[in-house]
């Protein structure tokens, strides 16, 4: 899976410090949406983290199609 930096240009971004990956960015956006739901906020943190990364992985796969 190709996982490029989410923000490939900018101050401090180097091959040794690529910044946030696109997968992490997708997961963070999904987390934001999930946290807006009072029902889903009852989930355990590890379940929520797993769910948003599953969604991020699906988004990464969709980009390859």
Protein backbone atom coordinates (compact mmCIF):
# COMPACT_ATOMS: atom_id res chain seq x y z
CA UNK A 1 0.00 0.00 0.00
CA UNK A 2 1.39 3.40 -0.97
CA UNK A 3 1.24 5.64 2.11
CA UNK A 4 2.61 9.07 1.11
CA UNK A 5 2.91 12.05 3.43
CA UNK A 6 -0.41 13.86 3.90
CA UNK A 7 1.32 17.25 3.61
CA UNK A 8 4.39 16.67 1.44
CA UNK A 9 5.65 20.24 1.44
CA UNK A 10 6.32 22.69 4.20
CA UNK A 11 8.73 23.60 6.91
CA UNK A 12 10.61 20.72 8.49
CA UNK A 13 9.45 18.03 6.05
CA UNK A 14 12.43 15.91 5.03
CA UNK A 15 12.95 12.25 4.08
CA UNK A 16 13.78 11.72 7.76
CA UNK A 17 10.75 13.68 8.97
CA UNK A 18 7.97 13.16 6.43
CA UNK A 19 5.23 14.42 8.76
CA UNK A 20 1.81 12.83 9.00
CA UNK A 21 1.11 10.03 6.55
CA UNK A 22 -1.97 10.03 4.36
CA UNK A 23 -3.24 6.94 6.22
CA UNK A 24 -2.91 8.77 9.55
CA UNK A 25 -4.68 11.80 8.07
CA UNK A 26 -7.59 9.65 6.87
CA UNK A 27 -7.78 7.96 10.31
CA UNK A 28 -7.74 11.33 12.07
CA UNK A 29 -10.60 12.62 9.90
CA UNK A 30 -12.58 9.42 10.51
CA UNK A 31 -11.90 9.77 14.26
CA UNK A 32 -13.27 13.30 14.14
CA UNK A 33 -16.49 12.04 12.57
CA UNK A 34 -16.81 9.09 14.92
CA UNK A 35 -16.27 11.33 17.96
CA UNK A 36 -19.10 13.59 16.84
CA UNK A 37 -21.53 10.72 17.46
CA UNK A 38 -22.61 10.38 21.11
CA UNK A 39 -23.38 6.68 20.57
CA UNK A 40 -19.94 5.86 19.21
CA UNK A 41 -18.23 7.76 22.01
CA UNK A 42 -19.31 4.90 24.29
CA UNK A 43 -16.86 2.59 22.48
CA UNK A 44 -13.60 1.66 24.15
CA UNK A 45 -10.65 3.69 22.86
CA UNK A 46 -8.87 0.65 21.39
CA UNK A 47 -11.99 -0.33 19.45
CA UNK A 48 -12.42 3.20 18.11
CA UNK A 49 -8.77 3.37 17.06
CA UNK A 50 -9.03 0.01 15.29
CA UNK A 51 -12.22 1.06 13.48
CA UNK A 52 -10.83 4.35 12.18
CA UNK A 53 -7.66 2.66 10.90
CA UNK A 54 -9.78 -0.02 9.20
CA UNK A 55 -11.67 2.79 7.49
CA UNK A 56 -8.43 4.58 6.61
CA UNK A 57 -7.08 1.34 5.09
CA UNK A 58 -10.23 1.01 2.99
CA UNK A 59 -9.80 4.61 1.82
CA UNK A 60 -6.16 3.93 0.90
CA UNK A 61 -7.22 0.83 -1.06
CA UNK A 62 -9.93 2.81 -2.88
CA UNK A 63 -7.29 5.30 -4.02
CA UNK A 64 -5.42 2.47 -5.78
CA UNK A 65 -8.48 1.43 -7.81
